[in-house]
Amino acid sequence: MTEPSKLVYMSAKQVAEYLDLNEKKVYAMANDRILPATKVTGKWLFPKILIDRWVMDSCHSGMLSDRMHITGSDDPLLSMLVSRLMTQIGKSDLISYSSTGSRLGLDLLSRGYADVCTLHWGSVDERNIRHPALLKGYPNHQQWVMIHGYTRQQGLMMRTEMHHRCQEEDQIISLPWRWVDRQAGAGSQQHLEHWLMKQGAALTHINANVTAYSERELAGFIARGDADIGFGCQSVAMESGLSFVPLITESFDFVMPQGIYFRRQLQHLFDMISSSQTRQLAASLGGYDLTDCGKLLWNPS
């Protein structure tokens, strides 16, 4: 038998031996979604890294329940809120946020390296199709839920003196401007490619001379004059003193294993998002709508 330490996915029998449980009990816990597992062609598979994480979380009412790591899509409002929440929590808990882009964030969530992933993969009108379709590409998506965060305005950002030349969408691509790309798998890059497709164009039709790995890095390239135009969110354009042409109202959502939803850190975060102070902050940043924050959007069951 393969050593457990070398396994990526385990069978029910291997999990039973690993955890010293009855095999029927393993099946029952998988069906009740207590154990992290996924069914492939009718057979249960158990990602070992998530089994180990489940064991660790079960120790002493949750050894790791005093910390939560958020990854995925970049957002300035969320970054501010996590910093404020850490100030309130003090030394009792840890909540952290690292922006990696939507796809890498989901990869990290799937492997158990993150507790929550944020994503924006489609407009509000397309969210109920695009977001679940993206999640279903991951083997353990059946253990996940998706919760609404807020909506944001996404579009083109550029320096103020160039704004008057961006009023007609179909003319923008023909302008000899230097574009900022986002990394592959970022939601903003997905939006850019989709917008180009609607214009009958592709990435090869624009002069993308630099790649940014966050919203603020993209804005910095433009503000410094290293590039001319890029696809991002309104709040980043405003804080960087750039002009903005809105093109999409997108849904910025949170994905997590079902058990994580009840973590006190996440509930504190959703409470903070729904507060009047955060609504004022979001209004000053620009482009946000916090309606329906915390609403369940998708549950595979």
Protein backbone atom coordinates (compact mmCIF):
# COMPACT_ATOMS: atom_id res chain seq x y z
CA MET A 1 0.00 0.00 0.00
CA THR A 2 1.23 3.49 -0.81
CA GLU A 3 2.44 5.44 2.21
CA PRO A 4 -0.21 8.02 3.31
CA SER A 5 2.38 10.81 3.25
CA LYS A 6 2.86 10.28 -0.51
CA LEU A 7 -0.84 10.27 -1.42
CA VAL A 8 -2.65 13.16 -3.05
CA TYR A 9 -6.10 11.54 -3.01
CA MET A 10 -7.15 8.71 -0.71
CA SER A 11 -9.85 6.07 -1.07
CA ALA A 12 -12.46 5.47 1.64
CA LYS A 13 -10.55 2.39 2.73
CA GLN A 14 -7.29 4.35 3.01
CA VAL A 15 -9.03 7.11 4.99
CA ALA A 16 -10.55 4.51 7.31
CA GLU A 17 -7.09 3.06 7.99
CA TYR A 18 -5.51 6.50 8.28
CA LEU A 19 -8.08 7.77 10.81
CA ASP A 20 -8.71 4.38 12.46
CA LEU A 21 -12.40 4.49 11.54
CA ASN A 22 -14.87 1.96 10.20
CA GLU A 23 -15.06 2.22 6.41
CA LYS A 24 -18.87 2.53 6.56
CA LYS A 25 -18.41 5.46 8.93
CA VAL A 26 -16.11 7.16 6.39
CA TYR A 27 -18.77 6.80 3.68
CA ALA A 28 -21.44 8.17 6.02
CA MET A 29 -19.27 11.18 6.95
CA ALA A 30 -18.54 11.84 3.27
CA ASN A 31 -22.24 11.70 2.37
CA ASP A 32 -23.05 14.05 5.25
CA ARG A 33 -20.24 16.36 4.05
CA ILE A 34 -18.41 16.12 7.34
CA LEU A 35 -15.25 14.84 5.69
CA PRO A 36 -13.82 16.78 2.71
CA ALA A 37 -14.35 14.54 -0.32
CA THR A 38 -15.47 14.51 -3.92
CA LYS A 39 -17.16 11.89 -6.07
CA VAL A 40 -15.52 10.99 -9.39
CA THR A 41 -17.35 8.48 -11.63
CA GLY A 42 -19.28 7.28 -8.59
CA LYS A 43 -16.22 6.77 -6.39
CA TRP A 44 -15.37 8.86 -3.34
CA LEU A 45 -11.94 10.49 -3.33
CA PHE A 46 -10.50 12.31 -0.32
CA PRO A 47 -7.78 14.99 -0.82
CA LYS A 48 -5.21 14.07 1.83
CA ILE A 49 -4.17 17.66 2.51
CA LEU A 50 -7.78 18.52 3.36
CA ILE A 51 -8.19 15.41 5.52
CA ASP A 52 -5.13 16.53 7.49
CA ARG A 53 -6.56 20.05 7.73
CA TRP A 54 -9.89 18.65 8.93
CA VAL A 55 -8.13 16.73 11.68
CA MET A 56 -6.18 19.83 12.74
CA ASP A 57 -9.32 21.97 12.75
CA SER A 58 -11.07 19.36 14.88
CA CYS A 59 -8.44 19.49 17.64
CA HIS A 60 -9.63 21.26 20.78
CA SER A 61 -12.73 22.73 19.06
CA GLY A 62 -10.60 23.92 16.16
CA MET A 63 -6.89 24.44 16.64
CA LEU A 64 -6.82 26.68 13.59
CA SER A 65 -10.19 28.34 14.14
CA ASP A 66 -8.45 31.38 15.62
CA ARG A 67 -7.09 32.34 12.20
CA MET A 68 -8.43 32.82 8.70
CA HIS A 69 -6.62 33.47 5.44
CA ILE A 70 -8.40 35.08 2.48
CA THR A 71 -6.92 34.90 -0.99
CA GLY A 72 -8.10 35.44 -4.57
CA SER A 73 -9.18 38.62 -6.34
CA ASP A 74 -7.74 42.00 -5.42
CA ASP A 75 -9.99 44.66 -3.88
CA PRO A 76 -9.01 47.86 -2.03
CA LEU A 77 -12.16 47.95 0.13
CA LEU A 78 -11.59 44.40 1.38
CA SER A 79 -7.93 45.17 2.06
CA MET A 80 -8.93 48.15 4.21
CA LEU A 81 -11.58 46.17 6.08
CA VAL A 82 -9.23 43.29 6.90
CA SER A 83 -6.70 45.77 8.32
CA ARG A 84 -9.42 47.43 10.43
CA LEU A 85 -10.74 44.09 11.61
CA MET A 86 -7.26 43.02 12.73
CA THR A 87 -6.99 46.22 14.74
CA GLN A 88 -10.27 45.40 16.48
CA ILE A 89 -9.37 41.73 17.08
CA GLY A 90 -6.01 42.56 18.59
CA LYS A 91 -3.94 39.54 19.62
CA SER A 92 -6.74 37.00 19.99
CA ASP A 93 -7.21 36.04 16.31
CA LEU A 94 -5.46 36.39 12.97
CA ILE A 95 -7.14 37.33 9.71
CA SER A 96 -5.01 37.90 6.60
CA TYR A 97 -5.61 38.70 2.94
CA SER A 98 -3.32 38.15 -0.04
CA SER A 99 -4.51 38.95 -3.55
CA THR A 100 -3.47 36.32 -6.09
CA GLY A 101 -6.11 36.57 -8.80
CA SER A 102 -9.29 34.51 -8.96
CA ARG A 103 -7.95 31.27 -10.43
CA LEU A 104 -4.82 30.98 -8.29
CA GLY A 105 -6.94 31.80 -5.26
CA LEU A 106 -9.28 28.92 -6.07
CA ASP A 107 -6.29 26.63 -6.58
CA LEU A 108 -5.03 27.56 -3.10
CA LEU A 109 -8.50 27.07 -1.62
CA SER A 110 -8.82 23.68 -3.27
CA ARG A 111 -5.45 22.58 -1.85
CA GLY A 112 -6.30 23.75 1.64
CA TYR A 113 -3.81 26.64 1.75
CA ALA A 114 -6.54 29.26 2.13
CA ASP A 115 -9.85 29.41 4.00
CA VAL A 116 -11.70 31.85 1.72
CA CYS A 117 -11.29 32.88 -1.91
CA THR A 118 -12.68 36.05 -3.46
CA LEU A 119 -13.53 36.17 -7.14
CA HIS A 120 -15.11 38.33 -9.83
CA TRP A 121 -15.51 36.34 -13.03
CA GLY A 122 -18.56 37.86 -14.64
CA SER A 123 -21.04 40.72 -14.67
CA VAL A 124 -23.94 40.70 -12.20
CA ASP A 125 -26.20 39.39 -14.98
CA GLU A 126 -23.82 36.52 -15.77
CA ARG A 127 -22.68 35.72 -12.24
CA ASN A 128 -25.07 32.82 -11.64
CA ILE A 129 -23.65 31.08 -14.72
CA ARG A 130 -19.99 32.10 -14.86
CA HIS A 131 -19.10 31.76 -11.18
CA PRO A 132 -20.54 28.24 -10.62
CA ALA A 133 -19.05 27.10 -13.94
CA LEU A 134 -15.63 28.23 -12.71
CA LEU A 135 -16.04 26.54 -9.31
CA LYS A 136 -17.11 23.22 -10.81
CA GLY A 137 -13.67 22.86 -12.35
CA TYR A 138 -12.27 22.01 -8.91
CA PRO A 139 -12.61 18.46 -7.54
CA ASN A 140 -13.79 19.46 -4.04
CA HIS A 141 -16.27 22.16 -5.14
CA GLN A 142 -19.12 20.14 -3.63
CA GLN A 143 -17.90 21.17 -0.18
CA TRP A 144 -17.95 24.89 -1.08
CA VAL A 145 -20.51 27.64 -0.83
CA MET A 146 -20.46 31.07 -2.49
CA ILE A 147 -21.55 34.16 -0.57
CA HIS A 148 -22.15 37.59 -2.08
CA GLY A 149 -19.82 40.37 -1.01
CA TYR A 150 -20.78 43.43 -3.09
CA THR A 151 -20.87 44.74 -6.62
CA ARG A 152 -18.16 46.92 -8.19
CA GLN A 153 -17.83 49.04 -11.27
CA GLN A 154 -15.19 47.66 -13.64
CA GLY A 155 -13.95 49.39 -16.75
CA LEU A 156 -11.08 51.28 -18.32
CA MET A 157 -8.75 53.56 -16.39
CA MET A 158 -6.53 56.15 -18.01
CA ARG A 159 -4.96 59.53 -17.28
CA THR A 160 -7.35 62.51 -17.21
CA GLU A 161 -6.06 64.09 -20.41
CA MET A 162 -6.95 60.92 -22.33
CA HIS A 163 -10.51 60.54 -21.05
CA HIS A 164 -12.20 62.43 -23.91
CA ARG A 165 -10.82 59.92 -26.41
CA CYS A 166 -12.45 56.94 -24.62
CA GLN A 167 -16.10 57.78 -25.11
CA GLU A 168 -16.66 55.44 -28.05
CA GLU A 169 -15.81 51.83 -27.16
CA ASP A 170 -15.35 50.64 -30.71
CA GLN A 171 -12.70 53.31 -31.36
CA ILE A 172 -10.48 52.64 -28.32
CA ILE A 173 -8.72 49.57 -29.72
CA SER A 174 -7.58 51.49 -32.80
CA LEU A 175 -5.72 54.06 -30.70
CA PRO A 176 -1.92 53.54 -30.45
CA TRP A 177 -1.92 53.27 -26.67
CA ARG A 178 0.20 51.14 -24.35
CA TRP A 179 -1.99 48.72 -22.41
CA VAL A 180 -1.43 47.14 -19.01
CA ASP A 181 -2.19 43.41 -18.84
CA ARG A 182 -3.19 41.54 -15.69
CA GLN A 183 -1.80 38.10 -14.94
CA ALA A 184 -3.53 35.06 -16.43
CA GLY A 185 -6.35 33.90 -14.18
CA ALA A 186 -7.14 37.37 -12.79
CA GLY A 187 -10.77 38.44 -13.00
CA SER A 188 -9.82 41.78 -14.57
CA GLN A 189 -7.93 39.98 -17.33
CA GLN A 190 -10.98 37.80 -17.94
CA HIS A 191 -13.09 40.97 -18.25
CA LEU A 192 -10.58 42.54 -20.64
CA GLU A 193 -10.54 39.48 -22.90
CA HIS A 194 -14.35 39.28 -22.88
CA TRP A 195 -14.66 42.98 -23.71
CA LEU A 196 -12.15 42.66 -26.55
CA MET A 197 -14.09 39.70 -27.92
CA LYS A 198 -17.26 41.82 -28.01
CA GLN A 199 -15.30 44.39 -30.04
CA GLY A 200 -14.28 41.66 -32.48
CA ALA A 201 -10.69 41.73 -31.22
CA ALA A 202 -8.29 39.76 -29.04
CA LEU A 203 -5.27 40.41 -26.81
CA THR A 204 -3.05 40.26 -29.88
CA HIS A 205 -4.79 43.40 -31.21
CA ILE A 206 -3.62 45.65 -28.36
CA ASN A 207 -0.15 46.82 -27.40
CA ALA A 208 0.16 45.25 -23.93
CA ASN A 209 3.69 46.13 -22.86
CA VAL A 210 3.54 45.46 -19.09
CA THR A 211 1.76 43.06 -16.73
CA ALA A 212 0.36 44.12 -13.36
CA TYR A 213 -0.31 41.68 -10.52
CA SER A 214 -2.79 43.83 -8.62
CA GLU A 215 -5.29 46.60 -9.25
CA ARG A 216 -3.07 49.20 -7.62
CA GLU A 217 0.01 48.08 -9.53
CA LEU A 218 -1.94 48.52 -12.76
CA ALA A 219 -2.99 52.03 -11.76
CA GLY A 220 0.59 52.84 -10.80
CA PHE A 221 1.89 51.97 -14.27
CA ILE A 222 -0.60 54.40 -15.80
CA ALA A 223 -0.17 57.18 -13.23
CA ARG A 224 3.63 57.11 -13.68
CA GLY A 225 3.33 57.27 -17.47
CA ASP A 226 4.73 53.76 -18.02
CA ALA A 227 1.47 52.76 -19.74
CA ASP A 228 -1.67 54.50 -20.99
CA ILE A 229 -4.73 52.36 -20.29
CA GLY A 230 -5.88 49.24 -18.47
CA PHE A 231 -8.88 47.34 -17.17
CA GLY A 232 -9.67 47.67 -13.44
CA CYS A 233 -12.11 48.85 -10.80
CA GLN A 234 -13.37 52.39 -10.27
CA SER A 235 -12.19 52.76 -6.67
CA VAL A 236 -8.53 52.17 -7.64
CA ALA A 237 -8.78 54.63 -10.52
CA MET A 238 -10.18 57.32 -8.19
CA GLU A 239 -7.57 56.86 -5.46
CA SER A 240 -4.82 57.08 -8.10
CA GLY A 241 -6.19 60.27 -9.64
CA LEU A 242 -7.05 58.54 -12.92
CA SER A 243 -10.12 58.87 -15.11
CA PHE A 244 -12.49 55.96 -15.46
CA VAL A 245 -14.95 54.68 -18.07
CA PRO A 246 -17.38 52.16 -16.52
CA LEU A 247 -18.13 49.11 -18.67
CA ILE A 248 -19.29 46.34 -16.32
CA THR A 249 -21.13 46.04 -13.02
CA GLU A 250 -19.52 42.92 -11.58
CA SER A 251 -20.19 40.71 -8.58
CA PHE A 252 -17.35 40.39 -6.06
CA ASP A 253 -18.05 37.18 -4.14
CA PHE A 254 -16.59 34.94 -1.42
CA VAL A 255 -16.09 31.17 -1.82
CA MET A 256 -15.30 28.86 1.10
CA PRO A 257 -15.81 25.36 2.49
CA GLN A 258 -19.20 25.17 4.18
CA GLY A 259 -17.74 24.93 7.68
CA ILE A 260 -15.64 28.08 7.22
CA TYR A 261 -18.79 30.17 6.74
CA PHE A 262 -19.44 29.93 10.49
CA ARG A 263 -15.94 31.05 11.50
CA ARG A 264 -16.29 34.05 13.79
CA GLN A 265 -13.67 36.01 11.82
CA LEU A 266 -15.73 35.72 8.62
CA GLN A 267 -18.96 36.63 10.39
CA HIS A 268 -17.22 39.67 11.91
CA LEU A 269 -16.06 40.63 8.41
CA PHE A 270 -19.56 40.38 6.93
CA ASP A 271 -20.93 42.39 9.86
CA MET A 272 -18.32 45.05 9.18
CA ILE A 273 -19.15 45.15 5.46
CA SER A 274 -22.83 45.68 6.33
CA SER A 275 -22.13 48.51 8.78
CA SER A 276 -23.00 52.14 8.13
CA GLN A 277 -19.30 53.08 8.51
CA THR A 278 -18.32 50.72 5.70
CA ARG A 279 -21.12 52.03 3.50
CA GLN A 280 -19.70 55.53 3.95
CA LEU A 281 -16.20 54.25 3.18
CA ALA A 282 -17.43 52.44 0.06
CA ALA A 283 -19.21 55.59 -1.13
CA SER A 284 -16.03 57.63 -0.73
CA LEU A 285 -13.99 55.03 -2.64
CA GLY A 286 -16.53 54.94 -5.46
CA GLY A 287 -18.15 52.24 -7.56
CA TYR A 288 -19.44 49.93 -4.81
CA ASP A 289 -22.92 48.67 -3.94
CA LEU A 290 -23.08 46.70 -0.69
CA THR A 291 -26.68 45.54 -1.07
CA ASP A 292 -27.25 41.85 -0.19
CA CYS A 293 -23.84 41.38 1.42
CA GLY A 294 -23.73 37.93 3.04
CA LYS A 295 -26.46 36.45 0.83
CA LEU A 296 -25.98 32.79 -0.14
CA LEU A 297 -25.55 32.66 -3.92
CA TRP A 298 -24.56 29.05 -4.58
CA ASN A 299 -24.61 25.76 -2.73
CA PRO A 300 -23.99 22.59 -4.77
CA SER A 301 -26.41 20.59 -2.62
